[in-house]
Amino acid sequence: MMTTLRELIKHLQSMAPRNYTVQGFENRVEIGPQTESEQDKTTIKRILVATYPSPKIVTRTSQEKINLLITHRPIFPWAVDRIGGTDLLRLRLLAKNYISTYVMGSPWIAAKNGLADALVETLGLKMIGEFYVDGDYSQKVPLGRICQTPEKMIQSKFANYIGGKLAQSRLIFTGDFDAVVESVLVIPGSMLDMPEILEAKRNNITTVVTGELSPDIRILAHEEGVSIFEVGAFVTEEPGMRRLRNHLALEYLDLKIEFAQTEPVTKILQHYSESMS
């Protein structure tokens, strides 16, 4: 029996409901058939799952004759009135080879067994509750997970703990290294904004683990006394996207489903004087 794009979309939306959308970061077909009738006529045989559709990953889809690329982040995070550069090259390559792309978006962060749950499991933390934010469809969305560490730690020890669990030698930290870690909020990706910091403060959350923040949110967190660990772009999303690939591989045995790792390319360098060399 052939598997259609529409069938896959319905399954993905059952796993990550659209009413879990936050900040306009919705799950959707980004490139490919947009109507249900067209999706019913589109047969899928090979799927590639990745966190971000980089030019390298898009090139791989064409080389390996992939029919569907499933990512967490989109090529176009917001509406555009013109396309150029690598965006245009990716779009042409996908369209030319009839490759559809589906974005999991914020619903996959909040969903059961999604990005947040996968990151908590990878970190070896104990979840004690869900962290709710305002959704785009007039309901509260469990975007994050409130957790406890496996043992009592101060922030400096917790930094080493996170780095070891996620195989990261460098983290960006905002806060007091000597402060005790109490409750920990885990929100993968780059969704953390002012409302989440203020809500974390109201809930007596002392520490947040996330992907990346804007500088103004770091300042707000510092002023509110909330310590922040930024692990880096894509790192916090990878466990959940790999989990998605494994789930689909078990669900659709007739399809060839692979995972492409998205590695952060930025390195944090520490300046040292000649006297230290």
Protein backbone atom coordinates (compact mmCIF):
# COMPACT_ATOMS: atom_id res chain seq x y z
CA MET A 1 0.00 0.00 0.00
CA MET A 2 1.38 3.41 -0.97
CA THR A 3 1.82 6.12 1.66
CA THR A 4 0.60 9.57 0.65
CA LEU A 5 1.75 12.98 1.79
CA ARG A 6 -1.71 13.64 3.20
CA GLU A 7 -1.56 10.50 5.34
CA LEU A 8 1.80 11.54 6.76
CA ILE A 9 0.63 15.09 7.47
CA LYS A 10 -2.40 13.82 9.38
CA HIS A 11 -0.15 11.57 11.45
CA LEU A 12 2.34 14.35 12.20
CA GLN A 13 -0.47 16.71 13.20
CA SER A 14 -1.92 14.08 15.51
CA MET A 15 1.46 13.92 17.25
CA ALA A 16 1.91 17.70 17.38
CA PRO A 17 -1.53 19.40 17.30
CA ARG A 18 -1.74 22.74 15.53
CA ASN A 19 -3.43 24.32 18.57
CA TYR A 20 -0.02 24.05 20.29
CA THR A 21 1.27 26.85 18.02
CA VAL A 22 3.16 29.64 19.81
CA GLN A 23 4.51 32.93 18.40
CA GLY A 24 3.28 32.08 14.89
CA PHE A 25 5.72 29.16 14.63
CA GLU A 26 3.20 26.71 13.18
CA ASN A 27 3.48 23.24 11.69
CA ARG A 28 2.83 23.28 7.96
CA VAL A 29 3.77 22.19 4.48
CA GLU A 30 6.30 24.86 3.55
CA ILE A 31 7.12 23.68 0.03
CA GLY A 32 4.96 21.29 -1.96
CA PRO A 33 1.25 20.49 -2.44
CA GLN A 34 -0.94 22.77 -0.31
CA THR A 35 -4.43 21.29 -0.85
CA GLU A 36 -5.64 17.99 0.57
CA SER A 37 -6.53 16.68 -2.89
CA GLU A 38 -3.01 17.37 -4.18
CA GLN A 39 -1.48 15.83 -1.06
CA ASP A 40 -3.59 12.68 -1.54
CA LYS A 41 -2.09 12.31 -5.02
CA THR A 42 1.51 12.71 -3.79
CA THR A 43 3.21 9.41 -2.97
CA ILE A 44 6.04 9.33 -0.43
CA LYS A 45 8.75 6.66 -0.48
CA ARG A 46 11.76 8.27 1.20
CA ILE A 47 11.88 10.74 4.09
CA LEU A 48 14.74 12.73 5.58
CA VAL A 49 14.33 14.22 9.08
CA ALA A 50 16.51 17.13 10.21
CA THR A 51 16.40 20.08 12.60
CA TYR A 52 17.15 22.72 9.95
CA PRO A 53 16.96 22.58 6.13
CA SER A 54 20.48 23.85 5.46
CA PRO A 55 21.80 24.02 1.88
CA LYS A 56 23.86 20.88 2.56
CA ILE A 57 20.82 18.95 3.78
CA VAL A 58 18.64 20.17 0.90
CA THR A 59 21.34 19.07 -1.55
CA ARG A 60 21.35 15.65 0.09
CA THR A 61 17.59 15.32 -0.43
CA SER A 62 18.01 15.77 -4.18
CA GLN A 63 21.00 13.46 -4.40
CA GLU A 64 19.25 10.64 -2.50
CA LYS A 65 15.88 11.11 -4.22
CA ILE A 66 14.07 12.05 -1.01
CA ASN A 67 10.34 12.80 -1.42
CA LEU A 68 9.73 14.52 1.92
CA LEU A 69 12.00 16.59 4.14
CA ILE A 70 10.70 17.01 7.70
CA THR A 71 12.38 19.72 9.79
CA HIS A 72 11.77 21.62 13.00
CA ARG A 73 12.79 25.00 11.60
CA PRO A 74 11.61 26.40 8.25
CA ILE A 75 13.53 27.87 5.34
CA PHE A 76 11.37 31.00 5.59
CA PRO A 77 10.59 31.86 9.24
CA TRP A 78 8.37 34.75 8.14
CA ALA A 79 6.64 36.02 5.02
CA VAL A 80 8.96 37.45 2.35
CA ASP A 81 8.29 39.58 -0.72
CA ARG A 82 11.46 38.54 -2.55
CA ILE A 83 13.74 35.51 -2.51
CA GLY A 84 17.45 35.44 -3.20
CA GLY A 85 20.78 33.89 -2.23
CA THR A 86 20.81 30.41 -0.67
CA ASP A 87 17.04 30.61 -0.05
CA LEU A 88 16.42 30.79 -3.79
CA LEU A 89 18.90 27.99 -4.49
CA ARG A 90 17.22 25.72 -1.93
CA LEU A 91 13.77 26.53 -3.23
CA ARG A 92 14.76 25.77 -6.83
CA LEU A 93 16.45 22.51 -5.88
CA LEU A 94 13.43 21.30 -3.92
CA ALA A 95 10.87 22.36 -6.53
CA LYS A 96 12.88 20.97 -9.44
CA ASN A 97 13.04 17.54 -7.79
CA TYR A 98 9.42 17.57 -6.53
CA ILE A 99 10.54 17.38 -2.89
CA SER A 100 7.99 18.48 -0.29
CA THR A 101 9.01 19.99 3.04
CA TYR A 102 7.06 19.88 6.29
CA VAL A 103 7.88 22.08 9.30
CA MET A 104 7.09 20.70 12.77
CA GLY A 105 7.28 24.14 14.42
CA SER A 106 6.43 25.00 18.02
CA PRO A 107 3.76 22.26 18.37
CA TRP A 108 6.54 19.66 18.34
CA ILE A 109 8.31 21.46 21.20
CA ALA A 110 5.21 21.26 23.41
CA ALA A 111 3.86 17.87 22.30
CA LYS A 112 4.08 14.74 24.41
CA ASN A 113 7.34 12.93 23.55
CA GLY A 114 8.38 15.96 21.48
CA LEU A 115 11.42 18.22 21.69
CA ALA A 116 11.00 19.27 25.34
CA ASP A 117 10.46 15.73 26.63
CA ALA A 118 13.34 14.37 24.56
CA LEU A 119 15.71 17.04 25.90
CA VAL A 120 14.65 16.39 29.51
CA GLU A 121 15.32 12.68 28.98
CA THR A 122 18.70 13.34 27.36
CA LEU A 123 19.70 15.59 30.28
CA GLY A 124 18.63 12.97 32.81
CA LEU A 125 16.41 15.42 34.71
CA LYS A 126 13.26 14.57 36.66
CA MET A 127 10.17 16.31 35.31
CA ILE A 128 7.90 17.67 38.05
CA GLY A 129 5.50 19.72 35.92
CA GLU A 130 4.70 21.46 32.65
CA PHE A 131 5.34 25.13 31.94
CA TYR A 132 2.43 26.84 30.19
CA VAL A 133 2.49 29.88 27.92
CA ASP A 134 -0.18 31.67 25.90
CA GLY A 135 -0.80 29.95 22.57
CA ASP A 136 -1.90 31.48 19.29
CA TYR A 137 -5.29 29.78 19.46
CA SER A 138 -6.53 31.18 22.79
CA GLN A 139 -5.34 28.37 24.99
CA LYS A 140 -2.42 27.59 27.24
CA VAL A 141 0.37 25.55 25.65
CA PRO A 142 2.84 23.36 27.62
CA LEU A 143 5.91 24.76 25.87
CA GLY A 144 8.42 23.82 28.57
CA ARG A 145 9.07 21.29 31.30
CA ILE A 146 9.81 22.10 34.96
CA CYS A 147 12.42 19.72 36.32
CA GLN A 148 14.76 18.87 39.17
CA THR A 149 18.40 17.82 38.95
CA PRO A 150 19.30 14.26 40.02
CA GLU A 151 21.29 15.69 42.95
CA LYS A 152 21.88 19.03 44.62
CA MET A 153 24.13 21.25 42.49
CA ILE A 154 25.37 24.78 42.18
CA GLN A 155 25.28 26.43 38.76
CA SER A 156 28.95 25.77 37.94
CA LYS A 157 28.50 22.03 38.53
CA PHE A 158 25.28 22.05 36.56
CA ALA A 159 27.15 23.66 33.65
CA ASN A 160 29.56 20.73 33.55
CA TYR A 161 26.64 18.33 33.87
CA ILE A 162 24.79 19.86 30.87
CA GLY A 163 27.95 19.97 28.77
CA GLY A 164 28.63 16.30 29.46
CA LYS A 165 25.10 15.15 28.68
CA LEU A 166 24.94 17.10 25.40
CA ALA A 167 28.61 16.70 24.43
CA GLN A 168 29.16 20.48 24.40
CA SER A 169 32.45 22.01 25.54
CA ARG A 170 31.10 25.58 25.62
CA LEU A 171 27.88 27.04 27.03
CA ILE A 172 26.68 30.63 27.31
CA PHE A 173 25.74 31.32 30.92
CA THR A 174 23.90 34.27 32.47
CA GLY A 175 23.70 34.29 36.26
CA ASP A 176 25.64 33.48 39.44
CA PHE A 177 27.90 30.43 39.15
CA ASP A 178 27.79 29.87 42.91
CA ALA A 179 24.00 29.94 43.22
CA VAL A 180 22.17 26.70 44.05
CA VAL A 181 20.15 25.09 41.28
CA GLU A 182 16.59 24.57 42.47
CA SER A 183 13.86 24.07 39.87
CA VAL A 184 14.96 23.98 36.20
CA LEU A 185 12.89 25.09 33.21
CA VAL A 186 13.71 23.31 29.94
CA ILE A 187 12.57 24.95 26.67
CA PRO A 188 14.38 23.75 23.51
CA GLY A 189 15.19 26.02 20.60
CA SER A 190 14.95 29.82 20.59
CA MET A 191 11.39 30.39 21.83
CA LEU A 192 12.23 31.99 25.18
CA ASP A 193 11.05 35.60 25.40
CA MET A 194 10.08 38.21 28.00
CA PRO A 195 6.73 36.61 29.04
CA GLU A 196 8.43 33.26 29.69
CA ILE A 197 11.15 34.84 31.84
CA LEU A 198 8.60 36.74 33.92
CA GLU A 199 6.39 33.64 34.29
CA ALA A 200 9.43 31.60 35.33
CA LYS A 201 10.19 34.20 38.00
CA ARG A 202 6.59 34.07 39.27
CA ASN A 203 6.90 30.27 39.54
CA ASN A 204 10.16 30.54 41.54
CA ILE A 205 12.16 28.89 38.77
CA THR A 206 15.84 29.67 39.29
CA THR A 207 17.41 28.13 36.19
CA VAL A 208 16.53 27.81 32.50
CA VAL A 209 18.11 25.53 29.89
CA THR A 210 17.42 26.56 26.30
CA GLY A 211 19.01 26.85 22.87
CA GLU A 212 19.69 30.53 22.30
CA LEU A 213 18.47 33.96 23.45
CA SER A 214 18.55 37.54 22.25
CA PRO A 215 20.80 39.91 24.28
CA ASP A 216 17.88 41.89 25.71
CA ILE A 217 16.31 38.72 27.15
CA ARG A 218 19.64 37.82 28.79
CA ILE A 219 19.62 41.21 30.51
CA LEU A 220 16.02 40.74 31.64
CA ALA A 221 16.79 37.28 33.04
CA HIS A 222 19.80 38.65 34.92
CA GLU A 223 17.76 41.49 36.41
CA GLU A 224 15.02 39.06 37.45
CA GLY A 225 17.52 36.69 39.07
CA VAL A 226 16.92 33.81 36.65
CA SER A 227 20.04 31.93 35.54
CA ILE A 228 20.17 30.92 31.88
CA PHE A 229 22.15 28.21 30.12
CA GLU A 230 22.24 28.62 26.34
CA VAL A 231 23.48 25.40 24.77
CA GLY A 232 23.56 26.78 21.23
CA ALA A 233 21.59 26.69 18.00
CA PHE A 234 20.07 23.29 17.08
CA VAL A 235 21.68 21.32 19.96
CA THR A 236 18.56 21.30 22.15
CA GLU A 237 16.34 20.33 19.20
CA GLU A 238 18.37 17.40 17.87
CA PRO A 239 17.25 14.75 20.43
CA GLY A 240 13.58 15.37 19.67
CA MET A 241 14.05 15.32 15.91
CA ARG A 242 16.01 12.09 16.13
CA ARG A 243 13.18 10.69 18.26
CA LEU A 244 10.72 11.72 15.54
CA ARG A 245 12.71 9.86 12.91
CA ASN A 246 12.77 6.70 15.05
CA HIS A 247 9.02 6.89 15.64
CA LEU A 248 8.23 7.29 11.94
CA ALA A 249 10.57 4.43 11.04
CA LEU A 250 8.57 2.11 13.31
CA GLU A 251 5.21 3.47 12.16
CA TYR A 252 5.93 3.29 8.40
CA LEU A 253 7.93 0.15 7.77
CA ASP A 254 7.47 0.47 3.99
CA LEU A 255 9.31 3.80 3.87
CA LYS A 256 13.02 4.53 4.02
CA ILE A 257 13.43 7.18 6.72
CA GLU A 258 16.79 8.71 7.64
CA PHE A 259 18.10 11.39 9.98
CA ALA A 260 20.51 14.20 9.09
CA GLN A 261 22.35 15.86 11.94
CA THR A 262 22.41 19.66 12.10
CA GLU A 263 25.60 20.73 13.81
CA PRO A 264 26.22 24.22 15.22
CA VAL A 265 29.10 25.88 13.40
CA THR A 266 29.84 28.76 15.78
CA LYS A 267 32.74 28.44 18.22
CA ILE A 268 33.16 30.55 21.35
CA LEU A 269 36.77 31.77 21.64
CA GLN A 270 38.43 33.11 24.76
CA HIS A 271 40.91 35.96 24.32
CA TYR A 272 44.27 35.58 26.03
CA SER A 273 47.26 37.90 26.25
CA GLU A 274 50.72 37.09 24.94
CA SER A 275 51.90 36.56 28.52
CA MET A 276 49.46 33.63 28.79
CA SER A 277 50.73 31.90 25.63
